[in-house]
N, C-alpha and C. Protein backbone atom coordinates (compact mmCIF):
# COMPACT_ATOMS: atom_id res chain seq x y z
N MET A 1 8.52 32.74 -1.78
CA MET A 1 9.04 31.35 -1.69
C MET A 1 10.33 31.36 -0.89
N CYS A 2 10.54 30.37 -0.06
CA CYS A 2 11.73 30.32 0.77
C CYS A 2 12.96 30.12 -0.11
N LYS A 3 14.15 30.50 0.39
CA LYS A 3 15.40 30.42 -0.36
C LYS A 3 15.71 29.01 -0.80
N GLY A 4 15.39 28.02 0.08
CA GLY A 4 15.69 26.62 -0.24
C GLY A 4 14.90 26.15 -1.44
N LEU A 5 13.61 26.49 -1.52
CA LEU A 5 12.79 26.08 -2.64
C LEU A 5 13.14 26.84 -3.90
N ALA A 6 13.54 28.12 -3.75
CA ALA A 6 13.87 28.93 -4.90
C ALA A 6 15.10 28.39 -5.62
N ALA A 7 15.99 27.73 -4.87
CA ALA A 7 17.22 27.20 -5.45
C ALA A 7 16.99 25.94 -6.26
N LEU A 8 15.84 25.31 -6.10
CA LEU A 8 15.55 24.07 -6.81
C LEU A 8 15.07 24.35 -8.22
N PRO A 9 15.42 23.47 -9.16
CA PRO A 9 14.92 23.62 -10.53
C PRO A 9 13.41 23.49 -10.57
N ALA A 10 12.80 24.10 -11.59
CA ALA A 10 11.34 24.05 -11.72
C ALA A 10 10.82 22.64 -11.85
N THR A 11 11.63 21.76 -12.50
CA THR A 11 11.19 20.36 -12.69
C THR A 11 11.07 19.65 -11.36
N CYS A 12 11.92 19.99 -10.41
CA CYS A 12 11.87 19.36 -9.08
C CYS A 12 10.58 19.75 -8.36
N LEU A 13 10.24 21.05 -8.43
CA LEU A 13 9.03 21.52 -7.76
C LEU A 13 7.81 20.87 -8.39
N LYS A 14 7.81 20.72 -9.72
CA LYS A 14 6.69 20.09 -10.41
C LYS A 14 6.55 18.64 -9.97
N SER A 15 7.69 17.93 -9.84
CA SER A 15 7.65 16.52 -9.42
C SER A 15 7.06 16.40 -8.02
N ALA A 16 7.46 17.30 -7.13
CA ALA A 16 6.95 17.26 -5.76
C ALA A 16 5.45 17.48 -5.73
N LYS A 17 4.97 18.43 -6.57
CA LYS A 17 3.52 18.70 -6.64
C LYS A 17 2.78 17.50 -7.21
N ASP A 18 3.40 16.85 -8.22
CA ASP A 18 2.77 15.67 -8.83
C ASP A 18 2.58 14.57 -7.81
N ILE A 19 3.64 14.32 -7.00
CA ILE A 19 3.56 13.27 -5.99
C ILE A 19 2.46 13.58 -4.98
N LYS A 20 2.40 14.85 -4.53
CA LYS A 20 1.39 15.24 -3.54
C LYS A 20 -0.01 15.04 -4.10
N HIS A 21 -0.19 15.40 -5.38
CA HIS A 21 -1.51 15.27 -6.02
C HIS A 21 -1.92 13.81 -6.13
N ARG A 22 -1.00 12.94 -6.56
CA ARG A 22 -1.33 11.54 -6.78
C ARG A 22 -1.63 10.83 -5.46
N ILE A 23 -0.86 11.15 -4.42
CA ILE A 23 -1.10 10.52 -3.12
C ILE A 23 -2.45 10.97 -2.57
N GLY A 24 -2.76 12.25 -2.75
CA GLY A 24 -4.06 12.74 -2.30
C GLY A 24 -5.19 12.00 -2.98
N PHE A 25 -5.01 11.71 -4.28
CA PHE A 25 -6.04 10.99 -5.03
C PHE A 25 -6.19 9.56 -4.52
N LEU A 26 -5.07 8.89 -4.26
CA LEU A 26 -5.11 7.49 -3.82
C LEU A 26 -5.75 7.34 -2.44
N LEU A 27 -5.57 8.37 -1.60
CA LEU A 27 -6.06 8.28 -0.23
C LEU A 27 -7.47 8.82 -0.07
N GLN A 28 -8.08 9.21 -1.20
CA GLN A 28 -9.48 9.62 -1.12
C GLN A 28 -10.35 8.43 -0.77
N LYS A 29 -11.49 8.69 -0.16
CA LYS A 29 -12.40 7.61 0.21
C LYS A 29 -12.95 6.95 -1.03
N PRO A 30 -12.72 5.65 -1.24
CA PRO A 30 -13.21 4.97 -2.44
C PRO A 30 -14.72 4.79 -2.40
N GLU A 31 -15.30 4.55 -3.60
CA GLU A 31 -16.74 4.32 -3.67
C GLU A 31 -17.13 3.04 -2.96
N HIS A 32 -16.28 2.01 -3.12
CA HIS A 32 -16.56 0.73 -2.47
C HIS A 32 -15.74 0.60 -1.20
N GLN A 33 -16.37 0.45 -0.07
CA GLN A 33 -15.69 0.33 1.21
C GLN A 33 -15.89 -1.05 1.78
N PRO A 34 -14.79 -1.74 2.22
CA PRO A 34 -14.96 -3.02 2.89
C PRO A 34 -15.70 -2.83 4.20
N ASP A 35 -16.28 -3.89 4.71
CA ASP A 35 -17.02 -3.84 5.96
C ASP A 35 -16.14 -3.26 7.05
N GLN A 36 -16.55 -2.12 7.61
CA GLN A 36 -15.75 -1.46 8.63
C GLN A 36 -15.59 -2.30 9.89
N LYS A 37 -16.49 -3.24 10.12
CA LYS A 37 -16.37 -4.11 11.29
C LYS A 37 -15.25 -5.12 11.10
N LEU A 38 -14.92 -5.40 9.85
CA LEU A 38 -13.92 -6.42 9.56
C LEU A 38 -12.55 -5.84 9.33
N THR A 39 -12.46 -4.65 8.76
CA THR A 39 -11.16 -4.03 8.49
C THR A 39 -11.15 -2.64 9.08
N LYS A 40 -10.28 -2.41 10.03
CA LYS A 40 -10.18 -1.12 10.69
C LYS A 40 -8.75 -0.62 10.58
N GLU A 41 -8.51 0.26 9.62
CA GLU A 41 -7.20 0.87 9.47
C GLU A 41 -7.13 2.06 10.41
N LYS A 42 -6.12 2.11 11.27
CA LYS A 42 -5.97 3.22 12.18
C LYS A 42 -5.57 4.46 11.40
N PRO A 43 -6.31 5.58 11.61
CA PRO A 43 -5.97 6.81 10.87
C PRO A 43 -4.64 7.36 11.33
N THR A 44 -3.91 8.01 10.44
CA THR A 44 -2.64 8.62 10.78
C THR A 44 -2.76 10.12 10.60
N ALA A 45 -2.01 10.87 11.39
CA ALA A 45 -2.10 12.32 11.32
C ALA A 45 -1.61 12.82 9.96
N THR A 46 -0.52 12.22 9.44
CA THR A 46 0.04 12.63 8.17
C THR A 46 0.38 11.40 7.36
N LYS A 47 -0.03 11.39 6.08
CA LYS A 47 0.27 10.26 5.21
C LYS A 47 1.22 10.74 4.13
N ARG A 48 2.48 10.33 4.22
CA ARG A 48 3.49 10.80 3.29
C ARG A 48 4.15 9.63 2.60
N ILE A 49 4.81 9.95 1.50
CA ILE A 49 5.57 8.95 0.77
C ILE A 49 6.98 9.48 0.53
N ALA A 50 7.97 8.75 0.98
CA ALA A 50 9.35 9.13 0.77
C ALA A 50 9.75 8.75 -0.65
N PRO A 51 10.72 9.47 -1.24
CA PRO A 51 11.13 9.19 -2.62
C PRO A 51 11.49 7.74 -2.86
N GLY A 52 12.07 7.06 -1.85
CA GLY A 52 12.50 5.69 -2.06
C GLY A 52 11.42 4.64 -1.85
N ASP A 53 10.26 5.05 -1.34
CA ASP A 53 9.21 4.08 -1.02
C ASP A 53 8.69 3.35 -2.26
N VAL A 54 8.46 4.09 -3.33
CA VAL A 54 7.89 3.48 -4.53
C VAL A 54 8.85 2.44 -5.11
N GLU A 55 10.14 2.72 -5.03
CA GLU A 55 11.14 1.75 -5.50
C GLU A 55 11.07 0.47 -4.65
N LYS A 56 10.82 0.63 -3.36
CA LYS A 56 10.70 -0.53 -2.47
C LYS A 56 9.47 -1.36 -2.83
N TRP A 57 8.39 -0.69 -3.19
CA TRP A 57 7.17 -1.42 -3.59
C TRP A 57 7.46 -2.28 -4.82
N LYS A 58 8.32 -1.77 -5.69
CA LYS A 58 8.65 -2.50 -6.91
C LYS A 58 9.51 -3.73 -6.61
N SER A 59 10.33 -3.65 -5.59
CA SER A 59 11.25 -4.74 -5.28
C SER A 59 10.60 -5.88 -4.51
N SER A 60 9.48 -5.60 -3.84
CA SER A 60 8.87 -6.65 -3.02
C SER A 60 7.39 -6.40 -2.79
N PHE A 61 6.58 -7.43 -3.01
CA PHE A 61 5.15 -7.32 -2.75
C PHE A 61 4.91 -7.11 -1.25
N ASN A 62 5.75 -7.71 -0.44
CA ASN A 62 5.63 -7.57 1.01
C ASN A 62 5.80 -6.10 1.41
N ASN A 63 6.74 -5.41 0.78
CA ASN A 63 6.94 -3.98 1.06
C ASN A 63 5.71 -3.18 0.67
N LEU A 64 5.10 -3.55 -0.44
CA LEU A 64 3.91 -2.83 -0.93
C LEU A 64 2.71 -3.04 -0.01
N ILE A 65 2.41 -4.29 0.30
CA ILE A 65 1.18 -4.61 1.03
C ILE A 65 1.22 -4.12 2.47
N HIS A 66 2.43 -3.95 3.02
CA HIS A 66 2.55 -3.49 4.41
C HIS A 66 2.78 -1.99 4.53
N HIS A 67 2.76 -1.29 3.40
CA HIS A 67 2.90 0.17 3.43
C HIS A 67 1.52 0.78 3.17
N GLU A 68 1.08 1.65 4.04
CA GLU A 68 -0.30 2.17 3.96
C GLU A 68 -0.60 2.83 2.62
N VAL A 69 0.29 3.70 2.16
CA VAL A 69 0.05 4.38 0.89
C VAL A 69 0.22 3.41 -0.28
N GLY A 70 1.20 2.52 -0.17
CA GLY A 70 1.39 1.52 -1.22
C GLY A 70 0.18 0.62 -1.35
N ARG A 71 -0.38 0.22 -0.21
CA ARG A 71 -1.58 -0.63 -0.22
C ARG A 71 -2.77 0.14 -0.79
N ALA A 72 -2.84 1.45 -0.52
CA ALA A 72 -3.92 2.27 -1.08
C ALA A 72 -3.82 2.32 -2.61
N ALA A 73 -2.59 2.44 -3.12
CA ALA A 73 -2.38 2.45 -4.57
C ALA A 73 -2.76 1.10 -5.17
N PHE A 74 -2.35 0.03 -4.51
CA PHE A 74 -2.64 -1.31 -5.00
C PHE A 74 -4.14 -1.58 -4.96
N THR A 75 -4.81 -1.10 -3.92
CA THR A 75 -6.26 -1.27 -3.80
C THR A 75 -6.98 -0.54 -4.92
N THR A 76 -6.50 0.66 -5.26
CA THR A 76 -7.07 1.41 -6.37
C THR A 76 -6.95 0.62 -7.67
N PHE A 77 -5.79 -0.02 -7.86
CA PHE A 77 -5.59 -0.83 -9.06
C PHE A 77 -6.51 -2.04 -9.07
N LEU A 78 -6.63 -2.73 -7.94
CA LEU A 78 -7.50 -3.90 -7.86
C LEU A 78 -8.95 -3.53 -8.10
N ARG A 79 -9.33 -2.35 -7.65
CA ARG A 79 -10.70 -1.90 -7.88
C ARG A 79 -10.97 -1.77 -9.37
N SER A 80 -9.95 -1.33 -10.11
CA SER A 80 -10.12 -1.18 -11.56
C SER A 80 -10.23 -2.54 -12.25
N GLU A 81 -9.74 -3.59 -11.57
CA GLU A 81 -9.83 -4.95 -12.12
C GLU A 81 -10.97 -5.75 -11.49
N PHE A 82 -11.74 -5.09 -10.66
CA PHE A 82 -12.88 -5.73 -9.98
C PHE A 82 -12.43 -6.92 -9.13
N SER A 83 -11.32 -6.75 -8.44
CA SER A 83 -10.83 -7.81 -7.54
C SER A 83 -10.37 -7.24 -6.20
N GLN A 84 -11.00 -6.15 -5.77
CA GLN A 84 -10.63 -5.50 -4.52
C GLN A 84 -10.87 -6.41 -3.31
N GLU A 85 -11.76 -7.40 -3.46
CA GLU A 85 -12.07 -8.28 -2.33
C GLU A 85 -10.83 -9.01 -1.80
N ASN A 86 -9.83 -9.20 -2.67
CA ASN A 86 -8.62 -9.90 -2.24
C ASN A 86 -7.85 -9.11 -1.18
N VAL A 87 -7.62 -7.84 -1.45
CA VAL A 87 -6.89 -7.04 -0.48
C VAL A 87 -7.77 -6.73 0.74
N ASP A 88 -9.08 -6.62 0.53
CA ASP A 88 -9.99 -6.41 1.67
C ASP A 88 -9.93 -7.61 2.62
N PHE A 89 -9.90 -8.80 2.04
CA PHE A 89 -9.82 -10.02 2.85
C PHE A 89 -8.48 -10.06 3.59
N TRP A 90 -7.41 -9.71 2.91
CA TRP A 90 -6.08 -9.68 3.55
C TRP A 90 -6.09 -8.73 4.75
N MET A 91 -6.68 -7.56 4.57
CA MET A 91 -6.76 -6.58 5.66
C MET A 91 -7.63 -7.09 6.81
N ALA A 92 -8.71 -7.77 6.47
CA ALA A 92 -9.61 -8.32 7.50
C ALA A 92 -8.86 -9.36 8.33
N CYS A 93 -8.03 -10.17 7.67
CA CYS A 93 -7.25 -11.18 8.39
C CYS A 93 -6.23 -10.54 9.31
N GLU A 94 -5.59 -9.48 8.84
CA GLU A 94 -4.61 -8.77 9.67
C GLU A 94 -5.28 -8.17 10.90
N ASP A 95 -6.46 -7.60 10.70
CA ASP A 95 -7.21 -7.02 11.81
C ASP A 95 -7.68 -8.10 12.78
N PHE A 96 -8.04 -9.26 12.24
CA PHE A 96 -8.52 -10.37 13.07
C PHE A 96 -7.45 -10.80 14.07
N LYS A 97 -6.20 -10.76 13.66
CA LYS A 97 -5.10 -11.19 14.53
C LYS A 97 -4.92 -10.27 15.74
N LYS A 98 -5.50 -9.08 15.67
CA LYS A 98 -5.40 -8.13 16.78
C LYS A 98 -6.66 -8.14 17.65
N THR A 99 -7.61 -9.01 17.31
CA THR A 99 -8.89 -9.05 18.02
C THR A 99 -8.76 -9.72 19.38
N SER A 100 -9.48 -9.20 20.35
CA SER A 100 -9.46 -9.81 21.69
C SER A 100 -10.13 -11.18 21.63
N LYS A 101 -9.72 -12.08 22.50
CA LYS A 101 -10.21 -13.46 22.48
C LYS A 101 -11.73 -13.53 22.64
N GLU A 102 -12.29 -12.60 23.39
CA GLU A 102 -13.73 -12.62 23.63
C GLU A 102 -14.53 -12.33 22.35
N LYS A 103 -13.93 -11.59 21.42
CA LYS A 103 -14.65 -11.20 20.21
C LYS A 103 -14.26 -12.03 18.99
N MET A 104 -13.31 -12.94 19.15
CA MET A 104 -12.79 -13.69 18.01
C MET A 104 -13.84 -14.55 17.31
N ALA A 105 -14.66 -15.25 18.07
CA ALA A 105 -15.65 -16.15 17.48
C ALA A 105 -16.61 -15.39 16.57
N THR A 106 -17.09 -14.25 17.05
CA THR A 106 -18.02 -13.44 16.26
C THR A 106 -17.36 -12.89 15.01
N LYS A 107 -16.16 -12.34 15.18
CA LYS A 107 -15.48 -11.75 14.02
C LYS A 107 -15.07 -12.81 13.02
N ALA A 108 -14.65 -13.98 13.48
CA ALA A 108 -14.27 -15.07 12.57
C ALA A 108 -15.45 -15.46 11.69
N ARG A 109 -16.61 -15.54 12.28
CA ARG A 109 -17.80 -15.90 11.52
C ARG A 109 -18.14 -14.80 10.51
N GLN A 110 -17.98 -13.53 10.89
CA GLN A 110 -18.26 -12.42 9.99
C GLN A 110 -17.33 -12.46 8.77
N ILE A 111 -16.06 -12.72 9.01
CA ILE A 111 -15.09 -12.78 7.91
C ILE A 111 -15.40 -13.94 6.98
N PHE A 112 -15.72 -15.09 7.58
CA PHE A 112 -16.03 -16.27 6.77
C PHE A 112 -17.26 -16.01 5.89
N ASP A 113 -18.29 -15.43 6.49
CA ASP A 113 -19.53 -15.18 5.75
C ASP A 113 -19.37 -14.09 4.69
N GLN A 114 -18.43 -13.18 4.92
CA GLN A 114 -18.22 -12.07 3.98
C GLN A 114 -17.34 -12.45 2.80
N TYR A 115 -16.30 -13.29 3.07
CA TYR A 115 -15.29 -13.53 2.04
C TYR A 115 -15.11 -14.99 1.60
N ILE A 116 -15.46 -15.95 2.43
CA ILE A 116 -15.09 -17.34 2.14
C ILE A 116 -16.27 -18.24 1.77
N GLU A 117 -17.39 -18.05 2.40
CA GLU A 117 -18.56 -18.87 2.10
C GLU A 117 -18.91 -18.78 0.61
N VAL A 118 -19.37 -19.87 0.05
CA VAL A 118 -19.76 -19.89 -1.36
C VAL A 118 -20.86 -18.85 -1.61
N GLU A 119 -20.67 -18.04 -2.66
CA GLU A 119 -21.60 -16.98 -3.04
C GLU A 119 -21.75 -15.92 -1.95
N SER A 120 -20.70 -15.73 -1.17
CA SER A 120 -20.72 -14.67 -0.17
C SER A 120 -20.57 -13.31 -0.87
N PRO A 121 -20.90 -12.20 -0.21
CA PRO A 121 -20.89 -10.88 -0.85
C PRO A 121 -19.57 -10.50 -1.51
N SER A 122 -18.45 -10.89 -0.88
CA SER A 122 -17.12 -10.55 -1.42
C SER A 122 -16.26 -11.81 -1.52
N GLU A 123 -16.81 -12.84 -2.10
CA GLU A 123 -16.12 -14.14 -2.13
C GLU A 123 -14.76 -14.06 -2.83
N VAL A 124 -13.74 -14.58 -2.14
CA VAL A 124 -12.40 -14.65 -2.73
C VAL A 124 -12.21 -16.01 -3.39
N ASN A 125 -11.21 -16.09 -4.24
CA ASN A 125 -10.98 -17.28 -5.03
C ASN A 125 -10.15 -18.32 -4.26
N LEU A 126 -10.83 -19.21 -3.55
CA LEU A 126 -10.17 -20.27 -2.79
C LEU A 126 -10.65 -21.64 -3.28
N ASP A 127 -9.76 -22.62 -3.21
CA ASP A 127 -10.16 -23.97 -3.56
C ASP A 127 -11.05 -24.54 -2.46
N SER A 128 -11.84 -25.54 -2.79
CA SER A 128 -12.81 -26.10 -1.85
C SER A 128 -12.14 -26.69 -0.61
N SER A 129 -10.95 -27.25 -0.79
CA SER A 129 -10.24 -27.85 0.35
C SER A 129 -9.87 -26.79 1.39
N THR A 130 -9.35 -25.66 0.92
CA THR A 130 -8.98 -24.57 1.84
C THR A 130 -10.22 -23.97 2.49
N ARG A 131 -11.28 -23.86 1.72
CA ARG A 131 -12.53 -23.31 2.25
C ARG A 131 -13.07 -24.19 3.40
N GLU A 132 -13.08 -25.50 3.18
CA GLU A 132 -13.62 -26.40 4.20
C GLU A 132 -12.71 -26.49 5.41
N GLN A 133 -11.41 -26.41 5.19
CA GLN A 133 -10.48 -26.42 6.33
C GLN A 133 -10.67 -25.16 7.17
N THR A 134 -10.88 -24.04 6.51
CA THR A 134 -11.12 -22.79 7.23
C THR A 134 -12.43 -22.85 7.99
N ARG A 135 -13.42 -23.51 7.40
CA ARG A 135 -14.70 -23.68 8.10
C ARG A 135 -14.49 -24.45 9.41
N LYS A 136 -13.68 -25.50 9.35
CA LYS A 136 -13.38 -26.28 10.56
C LYS A 136 -12.61 -25.45 11.58
N ASN A 137 -11.74 -24.56 11.06
CA ASN A 137 -10.94 -23.72 11.96
C ASN A 137 -11.80 -22.78 12.80
N LEU A 138 -13.01 -22.51 12.32
CA LEU A 138 -13.90 -21.60 13.06
C LEU A 138 -14.24 -22.16 14.45
N LEU A 139 -14.16 -23.47 14.58
CA LEU A 139 -14.47 -24.09 15.87
C LEU A 139 -13.45 -23.70 16.92
N GLY A 140 -12.21 -23.49 16.46
CA GLY A 140 -11.15 -23.10 17.40
C GLY A 140 -11.03 -21.60 17.54
N HIS A 141 -11.38 -20.87 16.47
CA HIS A 141 -11.31 -19.40 16.37
C HIS A 141 -10.13 -18.77 17.14
N ASP A 142 -8.90 -19.27 16.86
CA ASP A 142 -7.73 -18.59 17.39
C ASP A 142 -7.13 -17.72 16.28
N ILE A 143 -5.99 -17.06 16.54
CA ILE A 143 -5.45 -16.10 15.57
C ILE A 143 -4.96 -16.77 14.28
N THR A 144 -4.80 -18.09 14.29
CA THR A 144 -4.33 -18.78 13.09
C THR A 144 -5.49 -19.27 12.20
N CYS A 145 -6.69 -18.93 12.60
CA CYS A 145 -7.90 -19.42 11.93
C CYS A 145 -7.88 -19.23 10.41
N PHE A 146 -7.39 -18.08 9.95
CA PHE A 146 -7.43 -17.78 8.51
C PHE A 146 -6.05 -17.81 7.86
N ASP A 147 -5.05 -18.33 8.55
CA ASP A 147 -3.68 -18.30 8.02
C ASP A 147 -3.55 -18.94 6.65
N GLU A 148 -4.11 -20.13 6.49
CA GLU A 148 -3.99 -20.83 5.22
C GLU A 148 -4.70 -20.08 4.10
N ALA A 149 -5.90 -19.64 4.38
CA ALA A 149 -6.68 -18.90 3.37
C ALA A 149 -5.99 -17.59 3.01
N GLN A 150 -5.49 -16.89 4.01
CA GLN A 150 -4.81 -15.62 3.75
C GLN A 150 -3.54 -15.85 2.93
N SER A 151 -2.82 -16.91 3.24
CA SER A 151 -1.60 -17.23 2.49
C SER A 151 -1.91 -17.50 1.02
N LYS A 152 -3.00 -18.21 0.76
CA LYS A 152 -3.39 -18.52 -0.63
C LYS A 152 -3.73 -17.24 -1.39
N ILE A 153 -4.45 -16.34 -0.76
CA ILE A 153 -4.85 -15.10 -1.42
C ILE A 153 -3.64 -14.16 -1.60
N THR A 154 -2.74 -14.16 -0.62
CA THR A 154 -1.51 -13.35 -0.74
C THR A 154 -0.69 -13.82 -1.93
N THR A 155 -0.53 -15.14 -2.05
CA THR A 155 0.22 -15.71 -3.18
C THR A 155 -0.46 -15.38 -4.50
N LEU A 156 -1.78 -15.45 -4.52
CA LEU A 156 -2.54 -15.13 -5.73
C LEU A 156 -2.30 -13.68 -6.16
N MET A 157 -2.36 -12.76 -5.20
CA MET A 157 -2.14 -11.35 -5.51
C MET A 157 -0.72 -11.11 -5.98
N GLU A 158 0.24 -11.74 -5.31
CA GLU A 158 1.65 -11.51 -5.64
C GLU A 158 2.00 -12.02 -7.04
N LYS A 159 1.48 -13.20 -7.40
CA LYS A 159 1.83 -13.80 -8.69
C LYS A 159 0.98 -13.30 -9.85
N ASP A 160 -0.15 -12.68 -9.53
CA ASP A 160 -1.06 -12.26 -10.59
C ASP A 160 -1.23 -10.74 -10.63
N SER A 161 -2.01 -10.20 -9.74
CA SER A 161 -2.34 -8.77 -9.77
C SER A 161 -1.12 -7.88 -9.58
N TYR A 162 -0.21 -8.27 -8.69
CA TYR A 162 0.96 -7.44 -8.39
C TYR A 162 1.81 -7.21 -9.64
N ARG A 163 2.00 -8.25 -10.43
CA ARG A 163 2.81 -8.12 -11.65
C ARG A 163 2.18 -7.15 -12.64
N ARG A 164 0.86 -7.21 -12.76
CA ARG A 164 0.18 -6.27 -13.64
C ARG A 164 0.20 -4.86 -13.08
N PHE A 165 0.13 -4.77 -11.75
CA PHE A 165 0.19 -3.46 -11.09
C PHE A 165 1.50 -2.75 -11.40
N LEU A 166 2.62 -3.50 -11.38
CA LEU A 166 3.93 -2.90 -11.64
C LEU A 166 4.05 -2.36 -13.06
N ASN A 167 3.24 -2.87 -13.98
CA ASN A 167 3.26 -2.41 -15.36
C ASN A 167 2.11 -1.44 -15.68
N SER A 168 1.32 -1.13 -14.66
CA SER A 168 0.16 -0.27 -14.87
C SER A 168 0.58 1.20 -14.95
N LYS A 169 -0.24 2.00 -15.61
CA LYS A 169 0.02 3.44 -15.70
C LYS A 169 0.01 4.07 -14.32
N LEU A 170 -0.87 3.59 -13.45
CA LEU A 170 -0.96 4.13 -12.10
C LEU A 170 0.39 4.04 -11.38
N PHE A 171 0.99 2.84 -11.43
CA PHE A 171 2.27 2.66 -10.73
C PHE A 171 3.40 3.40 -11.44
N LEU A 172 3.44 3.34 -12.75
CA LEU A 172 4.51 4.00 -13.50
C LEU A 172 4.46 5.51 -13.31
N ASP A 173 3.25 6.07 -13.18
CA ASP A 173 3.13 7.50 -12.92
C ASP A 173 3.65 7.85 -11.53
N LEU A 174 3.47 6.95 -10.57
CA LEU A 174 4.00 7.18 -9.23
C LEU A 174 5.51 7.01 -9.21
N LEU A 175 6.00 6.08 -9.98
CA LEU A 175 7.42 5.76 -10.00
C LEU A 175 8.25 6.88 -10.61
N GLU A 176 7.74 7.50 -11.66
CA GLU A 176 8.51 8.53 -12.38
C GLU A 176 8.80 9.76 -11.52
N PRO A 177 7.79 10.35 -10.84
CA PRO A 177 8.09 11.49 -9.95
C PRO A 177 9.05 11.10 -8.84
N SER A 178 8.96 9.84 -8.36
CA SER A 178 9.86 9.38 -7.30
C SER A 178 11.30 9.41 -7.77
N ARG A 179 11.54 8.95 -8.98
CA ARG A 179 12.90 8.95 -9.53
C ARG A 179 13.37 10.37 -9.80
N SER A 180 12.45 11.22 -10.27
CA SER A 180 12.80 12.62 -10.54
C SER A 180 13.18 13.33 -9.26
N SER A 181 12.45 13.03 -8.17
CA SER A 181 12.73 13.67 -6.88
C SER A 181 14.10 13.25 -6.37
N THR A 182 14.43 11.97 -6.56
CA THR A 182 15.75 11.48 -6.12
C THR A 182 16.84 12.19 -6.90
N HIS A 183 16.62 12.37 -8.22
CA HIS A 183 17.60 13.05 -9.06
C HIS A 183 17.72 14.50 -8.64
N CYS A 184 16.59 15.16 -8.36
CA CYS A 184 16.60 16.56 -7.94
C CYS A 184 17.35 16.73 -6.63
N SER A 185 17.14 15.81 -5.71
CA SER A 185 17.81 15.87 -4.41
C SER A 185 19.30 15.77 -4.60
N TRP A 186 19.75 14.88 -5.51
CA TRP A 186 21.17 14.71 -5.76
C TRP A 186 21.76 15.97 -6.39
N GLU A 187 21.02 16.57 -7.35
CA GLU A 187 21.48 17.79 -8.01
C GLU A 187 21.58 18.93 -7.00
N SER A 188 20.58 19.02 -6.11
CA SER A 188 20.58 20.08 -5.11
C SER A 188 21.77 19.95 -4.17
N ASN A 189 22.04 18.72 -3.72
CA ASN A 189 23.17 18.48 -2.82
C ASN A 189 24.48 18.83 -3.51
N LYS A 190 24.56 18.49 -4.83
CA LYS A 190 25.78 18.77 -5.58
C LYS A 190 26.01 20.27 -5.67
N LYS A 191 24.92 21.05 -5.92
CA LYS A 191 25.05 22.49 -6.03
C LYS A 191 25.49 23.11 -4.71
N HIS A 192 24.92 22.61 -3.60
CA HIS A 192 25.31 23.12 -2.29
C HIS A 192 26.77 22.82 -2.02
N HIS A 193 27.23 21.63 -2.43
CA HIS A 193 28.61 21.23 -2.22
C HIS A 193 29.55 22.14 -2.99
N LEU A 194 29.22 22.43 -4.27
CA LEU A 194 30.05 23.32 -5.09
C LEU A 194 30.06 24.72 -4.52
N SER A 195 28.89 25.16 -4.00
CA SER A 195 28.80 26.49 -3.41
C SER A 195 29.68 26.61 -2.19
N ASP A 196 29.70 25.55 -1.36
CA ASP A 196 30.54 25.56 -0.16
C ASP A 196 32.01 25.64 -0.53
N ARG A 197 32.41 24.89 -1.58
CA ARG A 197 33.81 24.90 -2.01
C ARG A 197 34.20 26.29 -2.52
N THR A 198 33.26 26.95 -3.25
CA THR A 198 33.53 28.29 -3.77
C THR A 198 33.75 29.28 -2.63
N ASN A 199 32.89 29.18 -1.59
CA ASN A 199 33.01 30.08 -0.45
C ASN A 199 34.33 29.92 0.25
N VAL A 200 34.78 28.66 0.38
CA VAL A 200 36.06 28.39 1.05
C VAL A 200 37.21 29.00 0.26
N LEU A 201 37.19 28.81 -1.08
CA LEU A 201 38.26 29.35 -1.94
C LEU A 201 38.32 30.86 -1.89
N CYS A 202 37.12 31.49 -1.91
CA CYS A 202 37.06 32.95 -1.83
C CYS A 202 37.64 33.46 -0.51
N HIS A 203 37.34 32.73 0.58
CA HIS A 203 37.80 33.13 1.90
C HIS A 203 39.33 33.02 1.98
N CYS A 204 39.86 31.97 1.35
CA CYS A 204 41.31 31.75 1.39
C CYS A 204 42.03 32.82 0.58
N ALA A 205 41.38 33.27 -0.49
CA ALA A 205 42.01 34.27 -1.34
C ALA A 205 42.08 35.62 -0.61
């Protein structure tokens, strides 16, 4: 083991392993996959979580939903509540905004038929007024086509599922190693600082 790791307390190493294990679990391919034509997450070479990230997810739903690993954790939680279609729809809307104009009409119809149409395969919880307005928006099929519907579902997730997520065992288990790692980092820095002071005093003597 390298000198830097050897100097760390055993609890710090355990916390780091716990975080790595949990993130690996969250990023595994889920049993239920949203339509790949509608949601395309760009793969990343390395998926990591900084100690402060989990705290940020707790402070803001916006921080959570726009963080790849945070969104993976939230999606895992929604799957346990049988409401994964909400975050899938949110992701489909985000992907739609990046679609070329030539493909917008086709993709808009696919999203509507998948998530918004009554009794669609992954129907999200929208009021009839929003549903019909979105249907009319298909005629224009510009990037704002699903803005109202996406806003309604975002608000629904933030006020409902997100609050339960913050109290879930899944999130609390992620939060605890994050806090432990922050504490370990502080302890490690303090030890290095004391060691430096000792070396200086010895040199002066």
